[in-house]
Amino acid sequence: MRGYKAIAEWAKDLGPKARERFGYRSIAKRYIVPSESIIQDVLVRSLSILLLLLLCSGGMQPSVRKIKVSD
């Protein structure tokens, strides 16, 4: 899927068993599909946290050019 709208449409097409496995919120034994904006918000926040963790752990260190300094 490409784009938040496509992901939201895919989520709406899931059957009840798949919705349950994904942990959708349930009201009166019906699983509520998150809106496109909620899906976008979750993905953006998740990717931001992942990037922050990678940067803090040293997993994405920028390359550093060593410059020789003469006396």
C-alpha atoms as a PDB file:
ATOM      1  CA  MET A   1       0.000   0.000   0.000  1.00  0.00           C
ATOM      2  CA  ARG A   2       1.164   3.517  -0.741  1.00  0.00           C
ATOM      3  CA  GLY A   3      -0.110   6.482   1.137  1.00  0.00           C
ATOM      4  CA  TYR A   4      -2.227   6.867   4.219  1.00  0.00           C
ATOM      5  CA  LYS A   5      -5.495   6.748   2.285  1.00  0.00           C
ATOM      6  CA  ALA A   6      -4.598   3.381   0.753  1.00  0.00           C
ATOM      7  CA  ILE A   7      -3.591   2.000   4.140  1.00  0.00           C
ATOM      8  CA  ALA A   8      -6.882   3.231   5.661  1.00  0.00           C
ATOM      9  CA  GLU A   9      -8.847   1.564   2.846  1.00  0.00           C
ATOM     10  CA  TRP A  10      -6.926  -1.669   3.378  1.00  0.00           C
ATOM     11  CA  ALA A  11      -7.688  -1.514   7.116  1.00  0.00           C
ATOM     12  CA  LYS A  12     -11.414  -1.059   6.406  1.00  0.00           C
ATOM     13  CA  ASP A  13     -11.431  -4.123   4.139  1.00  0.00           C
ATOM     14  CA  LEU A  14     -10.108  -6.446   6.866  1.00  0.00           C
ATOM     15  CA  GLY A  15     -12.478  -9.047   8.257  1.00  0.00           C
ATOM     16  CA  PRO A  16     -13.448  -9.333  11.933  1.00  0.00           C
ATOM     17  CA  LYS A  17     -10.766 -11.916  12.786  1.00  0.00           C
ATOM     18  CA  ALA A  18      -7.991  -9.810  11.261  1.00  0.00           C
ATOM     19  CA  ARG A  19      -9.295  -6.684  13.016  1.00  0.00           C
ATOM     20  CA  GLU A  20      -9.178  -8.568  16.297  1.00  0.00           C
ATOM     21  CA  ARG A  21      -5.584  -9.740  15.652  1.00  0.00           C
ATOM     22  CA  PHE A  22      -4.502  -6.165  14.902  1.00  0.00           C
ATOM     23  CA  GLY A  23      -6.014  -5.078  18.208  1.00  0.00           C
ATOM     24  CA  TYR A  24      -8.705  -2.761  16.868  1.00  0.00           C
ATOM     25  CA  ARG A  25     -10.852  -1.101  19.515  1.00  0.00           C
ATOM     26  CA  SER A  26     -14.148  -2.929  19.965  1.00  0.00           C
ATOM     27  CA  ILE A  27     -17.562  -1.535  20.836  1.00  0.00           C
ATOM     28  CA  ALA A  28     -20.501  -3.922  21.267  1.00  0.00           C
ATOM     29  CA  LYS A  29     -18.469  -6.776  19.720  1.00  0.00           C
ATOM     30  CA  ARG A  30     -17.698  -4.731  16.573  1.00  0.00           C
ATOM     31  CA  TYR A  31     -14.137  -3.719  15.793  1.00  0.00           C
ATOM     32  CA  ILE A  32     -13.763  -0.036  14.982  1.00  0.00           C
ATOM     33  CA  VAL A  33     -11.359   0.829  12.149  1.00  0.00           C
ATOM     34  CA  PRO A  34      -9.076   3.799  12.871  1.00  0.00           C
ATOM     35  CA  SER A  35      -9.489   6.804  10.597  1.00  0.00           C
ATOM     36  CA  GLU A  36      -6.925   7.831   7.988  1.00  0.00           C
ATOM     37  CA  SER A  37      -5.730  10.694  10.197  1.00  0.00           C
ATOM     38  CA  ILE A  38      -5.197   8.349  13.171  1.00  0.00           C
ATOM     39  CA  ILE A  39      -3.248   5.911  10.979  1.00  0.00           C
ATOM     40  CA  GLN A  40      -1.099   8.783   9.684  1.00  0.00           C
ATOM     41  CA  ASP A  41      -0.488  10.120  13.194  1.00  0.00           C
ATOM     42  CA  VAL A  42       0.553   6.701  14.532  1.00  0.00           C
ATOM     43  CA  LEU A  43       2.918   6.027  11.633  1.00  0.00           C
ATOM     44  CA  VAL A  44       4.534   9.470  11.770  1.00  0.00           C
ATOM     45  CA  ARG A  45       5.039   9.271  15.537  1.00  0.00           C
ATOM     46  CA  SER A  46       6.350   5.700  15.338  1.00  0.00           C
ATOM     47  CA  LEU A  47       8.855   6.557  12.628  1.00  0.00           C
ATOM     48  CA  SER A  48       9.973   9.653  14.536  1.00  0.00           C
ATOM     49  CA  ILE A  49      10.581   7.606  17.682  1.00  0.00           C
ATOM     50  CA  LEU A  50      12.432   4.931  15.716  1.00  0.00           C
ATOM     51  CA  LEU A  51      14.678   7.537  14.096  1.00  0.00           C
ATOM     52  CA  LEU A  52      15.384   9.148  17.476  1.00  0.00           C
ATOM     53  CA  LEU A  53      16.289   5.776  18.994  1.00  0.00           C
ATOM     54  CA  LEU A  54      18.616   4.973  16.107  1.00  0.00           C
ATOM     55  CA  LEU A  55      20.350   8.328  16.402  1.00  0.00           C
ATOM     56  CA  CYS A  56      20.725   8.077  20.189  1.00  0.00           C
ATOM     57  CA  SER A  57      22.045   4.515  20.071  1.00  0.00           C
ATOM     58  CA  GLY A  58      24.687   5.355  17.492  1.00  0.00           C
ATOM     59  CA  GLY A  59      23.026   3.209  14.864  1.00  0.00           C
ATOM     60  CA  MET A  60      23.104   6.024  12.315  1.00  0.00           C
ATOM     61  CA  GLN A  61      26.310   7.855  12.968  1.00  0.00           C
ATOM     62  CA  PRO A  62      27.247  10.270  10.203  1.00  0.00           C
ATOM     63  CA  SER A  63      30.515   9.618   8.467  1.00  0.00           C
ATOM     64  CA  VAL A  64      33.302  11.855   9.722  1.00  0.00           C
ATOM     65  CA  ARG A  65      36.241  12.880   7.588  1.00  0.00           C
ATOM     66  CA  LYS A  66      39.492  12.873   9.482  1.00  0.00           C
ATOM     67  CA  ILE A  67      41.618  15.886   8.680  1.00  0.00           C
ATOM     68  CA  LYS A  68      45.315  15.710   9.340  1.00  0.00           C
ATOM     69  CA  VAL A  69      46.543  18.861  11.006  1.00  0.00           C
ATOM     70  CA  SER A  70      50.211  19.661  10.586  1.00  0.00           C
ATOM     71  CA  ASP A  71      52.206  21.393  13.328  1.00  0.00           C
END
